[in-house]
Structures are given as structure tokens and as C-alpha cells.
Protein backbone atom coordinates (compact mmCIF):
# COMPACT_ATOMS: atom_id res chain seq x y z
CA MET A 1 165.33 -71.70 -129.48
CA PRO A 2 166.10 -70.37 -125.97
CA LEU A 3 163.55 -68.57 -123.82
CA PRO A 4 164.00 -64.92 -122.84
CA PRO A 5 165.88 -64.38 -119.54
CA GLN A 6 162.93 -62.72 -117.78
CA ILE A 7 160.82 -65.84 -118.32
CA HIS A 8 163.67 -68.01 -116.99
CA HIS A 9 163.83 -65.84 -113.86
CA ARG A 10 160.05 -65.99 -113.33
CA LEU A 11 160.05 -69.79 -113.73
CA ALA A 12 162.98 -70.16 -111.33
CA ALA A 13 161.22 -67.98 -108.74
CA LEU A 14 158.19 -70.29 -108.95
CA GLY A 15 160.33 -73.42 -108.80
CA VAL A 16 159.08 -74.63 -112.19
CA ARG A 17 161.41 -76.60 -114.42
CA GLU A 18 161.22 -76.35 -118.21
CA GLU A 19 161.28 -80.15 -118.39
CA ASP A 20 157.89 -80.23 -116.65
CA VAL A 21 156.30 -78.38 -119.56
CA ASP A 22 155.19 -80.14 -122.75
CA GLU A 23 155.64 -77.89 -125.78
CA ARG A 24 154.02 -78.63 -129.12
CA PHE A 25 153.69 -76.69 -132.34
CA VAL A 26 150.39 -77.36 -134.07
CA ARG A 27 148.52 -76.01 -137.05
CA GLY A 28 146.35 -73.04 -136.31
CA SER A 29 142.66 -72.56 -136.86
CA GLY A 30 140.45 -69.72 -137.97
CA PRO A 31 140.87 -67.21 -140.79
CA GLY A 32 144.12 -67.09 -142.72
CA GLY A 33 143.52 -69.49 -145.57
CA GLN A 34 146.35 -71.53 -147.04
CA LYS A 35 149.06 -69.98 -144.84
CA ILE A 36 147.39 -71.02 -141.57
CA ASN A 37 146.70 -74.51 -142.93
CA LYS A 38 150.30 -75.13 -144.03
CA THR A 39 152.34 -73.84 -141.09
CA SER A 40 152.48 -75.00 -137.49
CA SER A 41 152.73 -71.58 -135.91
CA THR A 42 150.36 -72.23 -132.98
CA VAL A 43 152.18 -73.00 -129.72
CA TRP A 44 150.56 -75.31 -127.17
CA LEU A 45 152.10 -75.61 -123.68
CA ARG A 46 151.02 -77.91 -120.86
CA HIS A 47 152.48 -77.88 -117.34
CA ARG A 48 152.28 -81.56 -116.33
CA PRO A 49 152.26 -81.20 -112.50
CA THR A 50 149.37 -78.70 -112.43
CA GLY A 51 147.63 -79.54 -115.70
CA LEU A 52 147.57 -75.90 -116.80
CA GLU A 53 147.38 -75.47 -120.59
CA VAL A 54 148.12 -72.48 -122.77
CA ARG A 55 147.59 -72.16 -126.50
CA ASN A 56 148.75 -69.11 -128.46
CA GLN A 57 148.14 -68.23 -132.11
CA SER A 58 148.05 -64.43 -131.93
CA GLU A 59 151.07 -63.80 -134.19
CA ARG A 60 152.16 -65.14 -137.56
CA SER A 61 155.60 -66.00 -136.20
CA GLN A 62 156.12 -69.25 -134.33
CA ALA A 63 158.88 -67.68 -132.21
CA ALA A 64 156.66 -64.76 -131.16
CA ASN A 65 153.80 -67.14 -130.33
CA ARG A 66 156.18 -69.30 -128.32
CA GLU A 67 157.38 -66.34 -126.25
CA ARG A 68 153.81 -65.15 -125.63
CA ALA A 69 152.66 -68.64 -124.65
CA TRP A 70 155.50 -69.03 -122.13
CA ALA A 71 154.74 -65.59 -120.68
CA GLU A 72 151.05 -66.50 -120.35
CA LEU A 73 151.87 -69.84 -118.72
CA THR A 74 154.16 -68.19 -116.15
CA ALA A 75 151.47 -65.60 -115.43
CA LYS A 76 148.94 -68.37 -114.78
CA LEU A 77 151.38 -70.23 -112.52
CA GLU A 78 152.15 -67.02 -110.59
CA ALA A 79 148.43 -66.33 -110.13
CA ARG A 80 147.96 -69.87 -108.86
CA ALA A 81 150.82 -69.46 -106.37
CA ARG A 82 149.43 -66.10 -105.18
CA GLY A 83 146.03 -67.72 -104.68
CA ALA A 84 147.53 -70.47 -102.54
CA VAL A 85 149.39 -67.94 -100.37
CA LEU A 86 146.25 -65.82 -100.02
CA ALA A 87 144.13 -68.84 -99.04
CA ALA A 88 146.64 -69.85 -96.35
CA GLU A 89 146.69 -66.29 -95.03
CA GLN A 90 142.90 -66.16 -94.91
CA THR A 91 142.63 -69.42 -92.96
CA ARG A 92 145.23 -68.16 -90.48
CA GLU A 93 143.34 -64.89 -90.06
CA ALA A 94 139.99 -66.70 -89.61
CA GLN A 95 141.53 -68.92 -86.92
CA ARG A 96 142.95 -65.86 -85.16
CA ARG A 97 139.56 -64.14 -85.17
CA ARG A 98 137.84 -67.27 -83.82
CA THR A 99 140.23 -67.73 -80.90
CA ARG A 100 140.86 -64.14 -79.83
CA GLN A 101 139.46 -62.89 -76.55
CA LYS A 102 136.23 -60.89 -76.59
CA SER A 103 136.40 -57.22 -75.75
CA TYR A 104 134.73 -55.80 -72.62
CA GLY A 105 131.91 -54.30 -74.71
CA GLN A 106 131.26 -57.60 -76.50
CA LYS A 107 131.06 -59.43 -73.17
CA ILE A 108 128.55 -56.91 -71.76
CA LYS A 109 126.38 -57.19 -74.91
CA MET A 110 126.48 -60.98 -74.79
CA ILE A 111 125.46 -61.08 -71.11
CA GLU A 112 122.59 -58.62 -71.75
CA SER A 113 121.27 -60.71 -74.65
CA LYS A 114 121.46 -63.88 -72.51
CA LYS A 115 119.51 -62.18 -69.71
CA HIS A 116 116.90 -60.96 -72.22
CA ARG A 117 116.50 -64.48 -73.64
CA ALA A 118 116.23 -65.96 -70.13
CA LYS A 119 113.31 -63.60 -69.33
CA HIS A 120 111.42 -64.85 -72.38
CA LYS A 121 112.03 -68.46 -71.50
CA ALA A 122 110.99 -67.92 -67.87
CA LYS A 123 107.53 -66.74 -69.02
CA ARG A 124 106.76 -70.05 -70.70
CA GLY A 125 105.87 -71.99 -67.56
CA ARG A 126 106.19 -75.71 -66.92
CA VAL A 127 104.91 -78.36 -69.28
CA ASN A 128 102.23 -80.57 -67.78
CA GLY A 129 102.30 -84.24 -68.76
CA ASP A 130 98.44 -84.61 -68.49
CA TRP A 131 96.71 -83.97 -71.76
């Protein structure tokens, strides 16, 4: 049973191979009585490299559940990839903020606060070693 083309395109864009995904059809659980106990309509997918798992039992049809499970797995993989890109971008931005030069106003404020602190420290006096 081939996958829909849009799922193939999404997987290819992520660099995920179908061979890296374990696909099993298992018996469902929950209400449904004899029908749910006799048929293996639940689809369970596991992406081996990342360990992501998806289980779908929302439809009565195994084919529909399979398509939904693959769509959900690709969505999870895309979200994971977006998170990695966002984290790299945030670390780059944090590094840029740390190393950029201070503005003229920031320098003036910093010098004023240092002078203010020095006045407080100057009032303390020397420590005498005789108790």
C-alpha cells in the first residue's frame, strides 16, 4: 500500500527514509466490541533514529489510520527540525548580543554606576587588625 505523494515529499524534504520507520498493525483498544478485538486496524509507527512513536486508531479503516499515522509522524519530525533550527538561531543571537559593542548611553550609565559604587566603598574606611 503506497503512501500519498504529499507525505513522500514531506519525508524527502526532512531527509527521512521510509526504511528507517518501523510500521506495525496491531489490535485496537477501547470501545468497539468484537470488531475492535478481531481486526488489526491500529497503526503503530516508530522512527528508529529519533525514537519518535505514533499510534493511530481514529478510523475503522486500516488504510485511513495508516495515512493519518504517517501524516502525524511527519508533523512531529518537522516540528523537531524546526525546534533545532530555532535553537541554533537563538544561540547565535545570544552570542551576538553578548559580544556587540555598548552604545554611548550604556557606557555613560555604566560609568555613573561605577562612580556611585566607589563613593559608597570609600566611606567604609580601613580595617584595623587590632581587635
